C-alpha atoms as a PDB file:
ATOM      1  CA  UNK A   1      98.041 210.125 142.862  1.00  0.00           C
ATOM      2  CA  UNK A   2      96.909 206.569 142.058  1.00  0.00           C
ATOM      3  CA  UNK A   3      95.018 204.845 144.694  1.00  0.00           C
ATOM      4  CA  UNK A   4      94.320 201.007 144.604  1.00  0.00           C
ATOM      5  CA  UNK A   5      91.147 200.384 146.165  1.00  0.00           C
ATOM      6  CA  UNK A   6      88.536 197.432 146.083  1.00  0.00           C
ATOM      7  CA  UNK A   7      85.227 199.391 145.904  1.00  0.00           C
ATOM      8  CA  UNK A   8      82.650 196.624 144.639  1.00  0.00           C
ATOM      9  CA  UNK A   9      83.895 194.262 147.560  1.00  0.00           C
ATOM     10  CA  UNK A  10      80.134 193.973 148.541  1.00  0.00           C
ATOM     11  CA  UNK A  11      79.620 191.977 145.077  1.00  0.00           C
ATOM     12  CA  UNK A  12      79.785 188.103 146.192  1.00  0.00           C
ATOM     13  CA  UNK A  13      81.988 186.003 144.278  1.00  0.00           C
ATOM     14  CA  UNK A  14      80.034 183.682 141.856  1.00  0.00           C
ATOM     15  CA  UNK A  15      81.865 179.958 141.165  1.00  0.00           C
ATOM     16  CA  UNK A  16      82.774 179.916 137.830  1.00  0.00           C
ATOM     17  CA  UNK A  17      82.457 176.546 136.196  1.00  0.00           C
ATOM     18  CA  UNK A  18      86.344 177.288 134.718  1.00  0.00           C
ATOM     19  CA  UNK A  19      86.566 173.465 133.070  1.00  0.00           C
ATOM     20  CA  UNK A  20      82.953 173.581 131.187  1.00  0.00           C
ATOM     21  CA  UNK A  21      83.979 176.796 129.851  1.00  0.00           C
ATOM     22  CA  UNK A  22      87.346 175.799 128.588  1.00  0.00           C
ATOM     23  CA  UNK A  23      85.261 172.861 127.359  1.00  0.00           C
ATOM     24  CA  UNK A  24      82.417 174.815 125.392  1.00  0.00           C
ATOM     25  CA  UNK A  25      84.922 177.940 124.196  1.00  0.00           C
ATOM     26  CA  UNK A  26      86.032 178.110 120.588  1.00  0.00           C
ATOM     27  CA  UNK A  27      86.151 180.183 117.858  1.00  0.00           C
ATOM     28  CA  UNK A  28      82.279 180.085 117.473  1.00  0.00           C
ATOM     29  CA  UNK A  29      81.786 181.220 121.011  1.00  0.00           C
ATOM     30  CA  UNK A  30      84.167 183.805 120.886  1.00  0.00           C
ATOM     31  CA  UNK A  31      82.855 185.447 117.981  1.00  0.00           C
ATOM     32  CA  UNK A  32      79.522 185.407 119.414  1.00  0.00           C
ATOM     33  CA  UNK A  33      80.303 186.849 122.799  1.00  0.00           C
ATOM     34  CA  UNK A  34      82.124 189.631 121.035  1.00  0.00           C
ATOM     35  CA  UNK A  35      78.903 190.947 119.571  1.00  0.00           C
ATOM     36  CA  UNK A  36      77.808 191.962 123.014  1.00  0.00           C
ATOM     37  CA  UNK A  37      74.201 191.140 121.907  1.00  0.00           C
ATOM     38  CA  UNK A  38      71.744 188.900 123.138  1.00  0.00           C
ATOM     39  CA  UNK A  39      73.753 185.824 123.388  1.00  0.00           C
ATOM     40  CA  UNK A  40      76.099 187.531 125.281  1.00  0.00           C
ATOM     41  CA  UNK A  41      74.050 189.148 127.894  1.00  0.00           C
ATOM     42  CA  UNK A  42      71.112 187.029 128.020  1.00  0.00           C
ATOM     43  CA  UNK A  43      71.810 183.403 126.368  1.00  0.00           C
ATOM     44  CA  UNK A  44      73.929 180.440 127.306  1.00  0.00           C
ATOM     45  CA  UNK A  45      76.479 180.649 129.851  1.00  0.00           C
ATOM     46  CA  UNK A  46      79.049 179.655 127.723  1.00  0.00           C
ATOM     47  CA  UNK A  47      78.559 183.160 125.443  1.00  0.00           C
ATOM     48  CA  UNK A  48      78.881 185.243 128.603  1.00  0.00           C
ATOM     49  CA  UNK A  49      76.566 186.407 131.567  1.00  0.00           C
ATOM     50  CA  UNK A  50      73.806 183.543 130.781  1.00  0.00           C
ATOM     51  CA  UNK A  51      71.438 186.170 131.702  1.00  0.00           C
ATOM     52  CA  UNK A  52      72.204 189.536 132.837  1.00  0.00           C
ATOM     53  CA  UNK A  53      69.043 190.676 135.205  1.00  0.00           C
ATOM     54  CA  UNK A  54      68.558 193.179 137.880  1.00  0.00           C
ATOM     55  CA  UNK A  55      69.171 191.711 141.309  1.00  0.00           C
ATOM     56  CA  UNK A  56      70.044 194.706 143.406  1.00  0.00           C
ATOM     57  CA  UNK A  57      73.716 193.846 143.557  1.00  0.00           C
ATOM     58  CA  UNK A  58      74.873 197.310 142.626  1.00  0.00           C
ATOM     59  CA  UNK A  59      73.156 198.518 146.023  1.00  0.00           C
ATOM     60  CA  UNK A  60      75.813 198.418 148.299  1.00  0.00           C
ATOM     61  CA  UNK A  61      78.172 199.015 145.625  1.00  0.00           C
ATOM     62  CA  UNK A  62      76.451 202.777 144.839  1.00  0.00           C
ATOM     63  CA  UNK A  63      76.683 203.301 148.552  1.00  0.00           C
ATOM     64  CA  UNK A  64      80.791 202.505 148.440  1.00  0.00           C
ATOM     65  CA  UNK A  65      81.130 205.026 145.831  1.00  0.00           C
ATOM     66  CA  UNK A  66      78.734 207.765 147.098  1.00  0.00           C
ATOM     67  CA  UNK A  67      80.928 207.424 150.693  1.00  0.00           C
ATOM     68  CA  UNK A  68      84.398 207.353 149.400  1.00  0.00           C
ATOM     69  CA  UNK A  69      83.760 210.299 146.467  1.00  0.00           C
ATOM     70  CA  UNK A  70      81.511 211.840 148.815  1.00  0.00           C
ATOM     71  CA  UNK A  71      79.075 212.175 146.098  1.00  0.00           C
ATOM     72  CA  UNK A  72      76.078 214.865 146.802  1.00  0.00           C
ATOM     73  CA  UNK A  73      72.828 214.811 145.537  1.00  0.00           C
ATOM     74  CA  UNK A  74      72.763 216.163 141.931  1.00  0.00           C
ATOM     75  CA  UNK A  75      76.629 215.355 141.235  1.00  0.00           C
ATOM     76  CA  UNK A  76      77.086 214.465 137.712  1.00  0.00           C
ATOM     77  CA  UNK A  77      78.667 211.244 137.202  1.00  0.00           C
ATOM     78  CA  UNK A  78      79.309 208.701 134.207  1.00  0.00           C
ATOM     79  CA  UNK A  79      79.322 204.813 133.632  1.00  0.00           C
ATOM     80  CA  UNK A  80      81.537 204.140 130.569  1.00  0.00           C
ATOM     81  CA  UNK A  81      80.192 200.475 129.528  1.00  0.00           C
ATOM     82  CA  UNK A  82      77.138 200.723 131.656  1.00  0.00           C
ATOM     83  CA  UNK A  83      75.520 197.447 129.980  1.00  0.00           C
ATOM     84  CA  UNK A  84      72.055 197.532 130.935  1.00  0.00           C
ATOM     85  CA  UNK A  85      72.227 200.414 133.433  1.00  0.00           C
ATOM     86  CA  UNK A  86      71.859 198.661 136.588  1.00  0.00           C
ATOM     87  CA  UNK A  87      74.549 200.404 138.298  1.00  0.00           C
ATOM     88  CA  UNK A  88      73.380 203.765 137.187  1.00  0.00           C
ATOM     89  CA  UNK A  89      69.822 202.839 138.531  1.00  0.00           C
ATOM     90  CA  UNK A  90      70.859 202.701 141.982  1.00  0.00           C
ATOM     91  CA  UNK A  91      73.050 205.743 141.443  1.00  0.00           C
ATOM     92  CA  UNK A  92      69.832 207.975 140.409  1.00  0.00           C
ATOM     93  CA  UNK A  93      67.423 206.051 143.377  1.00  0.00           C
ATOM     94  CA  UNK A  94      70.920 207.522 145.890  1.00  0.00           C
ATOM     95  CA  UNK A  95      69.937 211.062 144.204  1.00  0.00           C
ATOM     96  CA  UNK A  96      73.323 210.990 142.002  1.00  0.00           C
ATOM     97  CA  UNK A  97      72.964 212.384 138.874  1.00  0.00           C
ATOM     98  CA  UNK A  98      74.560 209.610 136.736  1.00  0.00           C
ATOM     99  CA  UNK A  99      74.684 208.598 133.251  1.00  0.00           C
ATOM    100  CA  UNK A 100      75.857 205.956 131.224  1.00  0.00           C
ATOM    101  CA  UNK A 101      77.439 204.667 127.805  1.00  0.00           C
ATOM    102  CA  UNK A 102      78.059 201.327 125.961  1.00  0.00           C
ATOM    103  CA  UNK A 103      78.594 200.034 122.607  1.00  0.00           C
ATOM    104  CA  UNK A 104      76.094 197.063 123.027  1.00  0.00           C
ATOM    105  CA  UNK A 105      72.673 198.269 121.315  1.00  0.00           C
ATOM    106  CA  UNK A 106      71.219 195.204 122.670  1.00  0.00           C
ATOM    107  CA  UNK A 107      72.000 196.216 126.424  1.00  0.00           C
ATOM    108  CA  UNK A 108      70.886 199.818 125.680  1.00  0.00           C
ATOM    109  CA  UNK A 109      67.515 198.340 124.339  1.00  0.00           C
ATOM    110  CA  UNK A 110      66.942 196.124 126.996  1.00  0.00           C
ATOM    111  CA  UNK A 111      67.956 198.106 130.201  1.00  0.00           C
ATOM    112  CA  UNK A 112      66.448 199.014 133.338  1.00  0.00           C
ATOM    113  CA  UNK A 113      63.460 201.145 132.459  1.00  0.00           C
ATOM    114  CA  UNK A 114      64.130 203.929 134.748  1.00  0.00           C
ATOM    115  CA  UNK A 115      67.194 204.762 133.020  1.00  0.00           C
ATOM    116  CA  UNK A 116      66.254 204.642 129.442  1.00  0.00           C
ATOM    117  CA  UNK A 117      66.691 208.293 129.156  1.00  0.00           C
ATOM    118  CA  UNK A 118      69.919 208.397 131.076  1.00  0.00           C
ATOM    119  CA  UNK A 119      72.054 205.869 128.640  1.00  0.00           C
ATOM    120  CA  UNK A 120      73.260 206.318 124.976  1.00  0.00           C
ATOM    121  CA  UNK A 121      75.097 204.127 122.564  1.00  0.00           C
ATOM    122  CA  UNK A 122      78.962 205.230 123.065  1.00  0.00           C
ATOM    123  CA  UNK A 123      82.472 204.021 122.665  1.00  0.00           C
ATOM    124  CA  UNK A 124      84.934 204.623 125.328  1.00  0.00           C
ATOM    125  CA  UNK A 125      87.515 205.866 122.834  1.00  0.00           C
ATOM    126  CA  UNK A 126      85.828 208.651 121.977  1.00  0.00           C
ATOM    127  CA  UNK A 127      83.510 209.504 125.159  1.00  0.00           C
ATOM    128  CA  UNK A 128      80.428 211.687 123.461  1.00  0.00           C
ATOM    129  CA  UNK A 129      80.742 214.283 125.999  1.00  0.00           C
ATOM    130  CA  UNK A 130      82.454 217.429 126.695  1.00  0.00           C
ATOM    131  CA  UNK A 131      85.473 217.993 128.616  1.00  0.00           C
ATOM    132  CA  UNK A 132      85.251 218.145 132.491  1.00  0.00           C
ATOM    133  CA  UNK A 133      81.426 217.424 132.184  1.00  0.00           C
ATOM    134  CA  UNK A 134      81.591 214.685 135.079  1.00  0.00           C
ATOM    135  CA  UNK A 135      82.493 214.761 138.877  1.00  0.00           C
ATOM    136  CA  UNK A 136      82.970 211.120 138.548  1.00  0.00           C
ATOM    137  CA  UNK A 137      83.809 209.019 135.479  1.00  0.00           C
ATOM    138  CA  UNK A 138      84.044 204.922 136.194  1.00  0.00           C
ATOM    139  CA  UNK A 139      84.630 202.416 133.749  1.00  0.00           C
ATOM    140  CA  UNK A 140      84.301 198.451 135.416  1.00  0.00           C
ATOM    141  CA  UNK A 141      85.190 195.679 133.615  1.00  0.00           C
ATOM    142  CA  UNK A 142      84.968 197.143 130.157  1.00  0.00           C
ATOM    143  CA  UNK A 143      88.662 198.671 129.165  1.00  0.00           C
ATOM    144  CA  UNK A 144      90.086 195.127 128.594  1.00  0.00           C
ATOM    145  CA  UNK A 145      87.744 194.172 125.888  1.00  0.00           C
ATOM    146  CA  UNK A 146      89.725 197.209 123.947  1.00  0.00           C
ATOM    147  CA  UNK A 147      92.993 196.287 122.018  1.00  0.00           C
ATOM    148  CA  UNK A 148      95.710 198.071 123.940  1.00  0.00           C
ATOM    149  CA  UNK A 149      96.067 201.234 121.595  1.00  0.00           C
ATOM    150  CA  UNK A 150      92.124 201.514 121.958  1.00  0.00           C
ATOM    151  CA  UNK A 151      92.528 201.104 125.820  1.00  0.00           C
ATOM    152  CA  UNK A 152      95.240 203.638 126.225  1.00  0.00           C
ATOM    153  CA  UNK A 153      92.769 206.083 124.133  1.00  0.00           C
ATOM    154  CA  UNK A 154      89.954 204.869 126.347  1.00  0.00           C
ATOM    155  CA  UNK A 155      92.017 205.666 129.767  1.00  0.00           C
ATOM    156  CA  UNK A 156      92.601 209.490 128.521  1.00  0.00           C
ATOM    157  CA  UNK A 157      88.986 209.853 127.554  1.00  0.00           C
ATOM    158  CA  UNK A 158      88.198 209.215 131.150  1.00  0.00           C
ATOM    159  CA  UNK A 159      90.699 211.805 132.591  1.00  0.00           C
ATOM    160  CA  UNK A 160      89.339 214.551 129.820  1.00  0.00           C
ATOM    161  CA  UNK A 161      85.718 214.005 130.514  1.00  0.00           C
ATOM    162  CA  UNK A 162      86.113 214.175 134.277  1.00  0.00           C
ATOM    163  CA  UNK A 163      86.842 217.092 136.184  1.00  0.00           C
ATOM    164  CA  UNK A 164      87.834 215.400 139.503  1.00  0.00           C
ATOM    165  CA  UNK A 165      87.202 211.874 140.179  1.00  0.00           C
ATOM    166  CA  UNK A 166      88.134 208.552 138.230  1.00  0.00           C
ATOM    167  CA  UNK A 167      87.432 204.927 138.806  1.00  0.00           C
ATOM    168  CA  UNK A 168      89.134 202.013 136.589  1.00  0.00           C
ATOM    169  CA  UNK A 169      88.366 198.256 137.189  1.00  0.00           C
ATOM    170  CA  UNK A 170      90.087 195.732 134.563  1.00  0.00           C
ATOM    171  CA  UNK A 171      90.658 191.848 134.504  1.00  0.00           C
ATOM    172  CA  UNK A 172      94.006 191.017 135.459  1.00  0.00           C
ATOM    173  CA  UNK A 173      96.120 188.320 137.163  1.00  0.00           C
ATOM    174  CA  UNK A 174      99.096 188.099 139.601  1.00  0.00           C
ATOM    175  CA  UNK A 175     101.074 184.999 138.659  1.00  0.00           C
ATOM    176  CA  UNK A 176     100.520 182.404 135.806  1.00  0.00           C
ATOM    177  CA  UNK A 177      98.428 180.293 137.320  1.00  0.00           C
ATOM    178  CA  UNK A 178      95.947 182.900 137.543  1.00  0.00           C
ATOM    179  CA  UNK A 179      96.674 183.989 133.830  1.00  0.00           C
ATOM    180  CA  UNK A 180      96.032 180.548 132.737  1.00  0.00           C
ATOM    181  CA  UNK A 181      92.722 180.168 134.708  1.00  0.00           C
ATOM    182  CA  UNK A 182      91.740 183.528 133.070  1.00  0.00           C
ATOM    183  CA  UNK A 183      93.095 182.493 129.574  1.00  0.00           C
ATOM    184  CA  UNK A 184      90.965 179.375 130.152  1.00  0.00           C
ATOM    185  CA  UNK A 185      87.584 181.700 130.865  1.00  0.00           C
ATOM    186  CA  UNK A 186      87.587 184.857 128.873  1.00  0.00           C
ATOM    187  CA  UNK A 187      85.900 185.296 126.167  1.00  0.00           C
ATOM    188  CA  UNK A 188      86.054 189.182 125.231  1.00  0.00           C
ATOM    189  CA  UNK A 189      88.746 190.680 126.499  1.00  0.00           C
ATOM    190  CA  UNK A 190      91.638 191.706 124.020  1.00  0.00           C
ATOM    191  CA  UNK A 191      93.968 193.300 126.090  1.00  0.00           C
ATOM    192  CA  UNK A 192      94.981 191.997 129.289  1.00  0.00           C
ATOM    193  CA  UNK A 193      97.967 191.844 131.688  1.00  0.00           C
ATOM    194  CA  UNK A 194      99.557 191.647 135.165  1.00  0.00           C
ATOM    195  CA  UNK A 195      98.231 193.942 137.622  1.00  0.00           C
ATOM    196  CA  UNK A 196     102.188 195.578 138.450  1.00  0.00           C
ATOM    197  CA  UNK A 197     102.041 196.136 134.386  1.00  0.00           C
ATOM    198  CA  UNK A 198      98.663 197.691 134.572  1.00  0.00           C
ATOM    199  CA  UNK A 199      99.735 200.322 136.977  1.00  0.00           C
ATOM    200  CA  UNK A 200     103.017 201.222 134.611  1.00  0.00           C
ATOM    201  CA  UNK A 201     100.471 201.772 131.982  1.00  0.00           C
ATOM    202  CA  UNK A 202      98.570 203.982 134.326  1.00  0.00           C
ATOM    203  CA  UNK A 203     101.112 205.571 135.490  1.00  0.00           C
ATOM    204  CA  UNK A 204     102.632 206.155 132.026  1.00  0.00           C
ATOM    205  CA  UNK A 205      99.243 207.920 130.772  1.00  0.00           C
ATOM    206  CA  UNK A 206      99.387 210.108 134.300  1.00  0.00           C
ATOM    207  CA  UNK A 207      96.315 208.513 134.942  1.00  0.00           C
ATOM    208  CA  UNK A 208      95.268 210.232 139.047  1.00  0.00           C
ATOM    209  CA  UNK A 209      92.326 208.134 139.594  1.00  0.00           C
ATOM    210  CA  UNK A 210      91.660 204.909 141.846  1.00  0.00           C
ATOM    211  CA  UNK A 211      91.854 201.462 140.242  1.00  0.00           C
ATOM    212  CA  UNK A 212      91.402 197.885 141.100  1.00  0.00           C
ATOM    213  CA  UNK A 213      91.358 194.052 139.813  1.00  0.00           C
ATOM    214  CA  UNK A 214      88.630 191.482 138.427  1.00  0.00           C
ATOM    215  CA  UNK A 215      90.037 187.976 139.186  1.00  0.00           C
ATOM    216  CA  UNK A 216      88.424 185.289 137.461  1.00  0.00           C
END
């Protein structure tokens, strides 16, 4: 049974300069952002994160996940779209057997030093693990970066490699105004839609995990 729940509520919402992003956004900035390289993670804000560094923001999220999914030391979990592995690191600190995959060579190369052996290059549409490998598989702010057909495949892959729990968070909007703000901001999302349409897609795929949304 699907359940909508915000497991990232402990992360403070940073104020985004939508006007500036819209002003600077063009085909070049979109092209650079979609390489998911140094510019995206650690370059100018107009290309992406504007520097993505470890600041402990995932510590409380790790606690939330452990509490909600009743994870125990040694439980195996996978972060699909792990970036530099900061969430993986904070889960490992809590004795969870955590791993991550990401398509960004730059992110993997520049990951937190304590998770180098646990992160690998990988694509969500073909997760490089056997069926039922993990107690929990989660993907946060990643699947919307795929085309719709690829997104469908990625959700199926998440279900394939998990023998119990799944959690997906994606970009979404609830009304036309939120959609406009999102479109002014977004650089990398290829498939995005209203919350209710995401739910319809999840149901059509018989997705039976938890989910939530990222609103700009």
